[in-house]
Amino acid sequence: MNATRILIASILILALVIGTSAYFVVEATRSQTAATAPAAKPAAATTVEGTDEATGEATGEAVRNYLLENPEIIETALMALQAKRAEQAKAERSHIITQMQDQIFNSPNQMVLGNPEGEITLVEFFDYNCGYCKRAFPDMVALIESNPDLRMVMKEFPILSEGSLEAARIAVAVHTVAPERYVDFHKEMMTRNGQADRAKAMQVVQDLDLDAAAVEREAAADAVDQHLSEVQAIAGALDISGTPSYVIGDQAVPGAVGFDQLQQMIIAARKCGGESLTC
């Protein structure tokens, strides 16, 4: 939740607390008045209005003083609201993942590492210029080695720079020209020093002795635009805005959460048949 949304939520919560408190104070005041005051003659309308105005002012002052003396109420309410919103967002993403299963897990516009027929699928959105992605690369390798039934789907998500986009186009082309060498290309791009761009990607292509002319030709094809546009659409639907991000079962997982957390999710997905983390 960004700063603007937090501010709006805080204002709404404050209004809710004040309104609720005012209601109970007014009700208590009226009850006490009704119980202690003698029967009165009907008062003029102006007197009733004046009394209500005075009561409202007193109520507002009482609520204000109470909140000033107990400001933690606002913090507690805000934390509860944030938790509720997070759960709602999680449920919404789960619903979207279910609706977009084919595009997320089985699209022809993706690269698959590990076991292509694996029962458990872990999707990674990555950028070749993402430092966290590079640090998470050994985790990916370890997960594949530790889980023979893991199918690792790679989604090119170049969001950090123009160089990222250039490298992603070459990567997609490598997968088209020499799919059996994509894993080698990916490893080199993740482990070599320096910023990723077209020059670096093509250097890797040459070092792997791939058909550079064919790769360059494929990198300029419309199919690459369609590939990257599909990934962007999936990321937008799931509110994914950073790398690395993952999808497993019916959950989206932002950030480089590390081997241990991803392994626990894989175990949970395995227990639930691969389609969910809870069953």
Foldseek 3Di string as FASTA:
>chain_A
DDPVVLVVLLVVLVVVQLVVQLVVQVVVVVVVCVVPPPDDDDDDPVVVVVVVVVSSVVSNVVSVVVCVVPVVVSVVVSVVVVVVVVVVLFVQLLVVCVVCVCLQFPDPLWAKDADQQAQWEKEWEAFLQDPQVLVLVVLVVVVSVVDNRYIYIYAHAHDDDQQRLQLLLLLSLCCVQPVVCSVVLVNCSSPDDDGHGNVVSLVSCVVVVHDSVSSVVSSPDVVSVVSNVSSVVSCVSSVNDDPTWMDWQSGIGDDSPGNVVVVLQRVQCVVVRGNHSHD
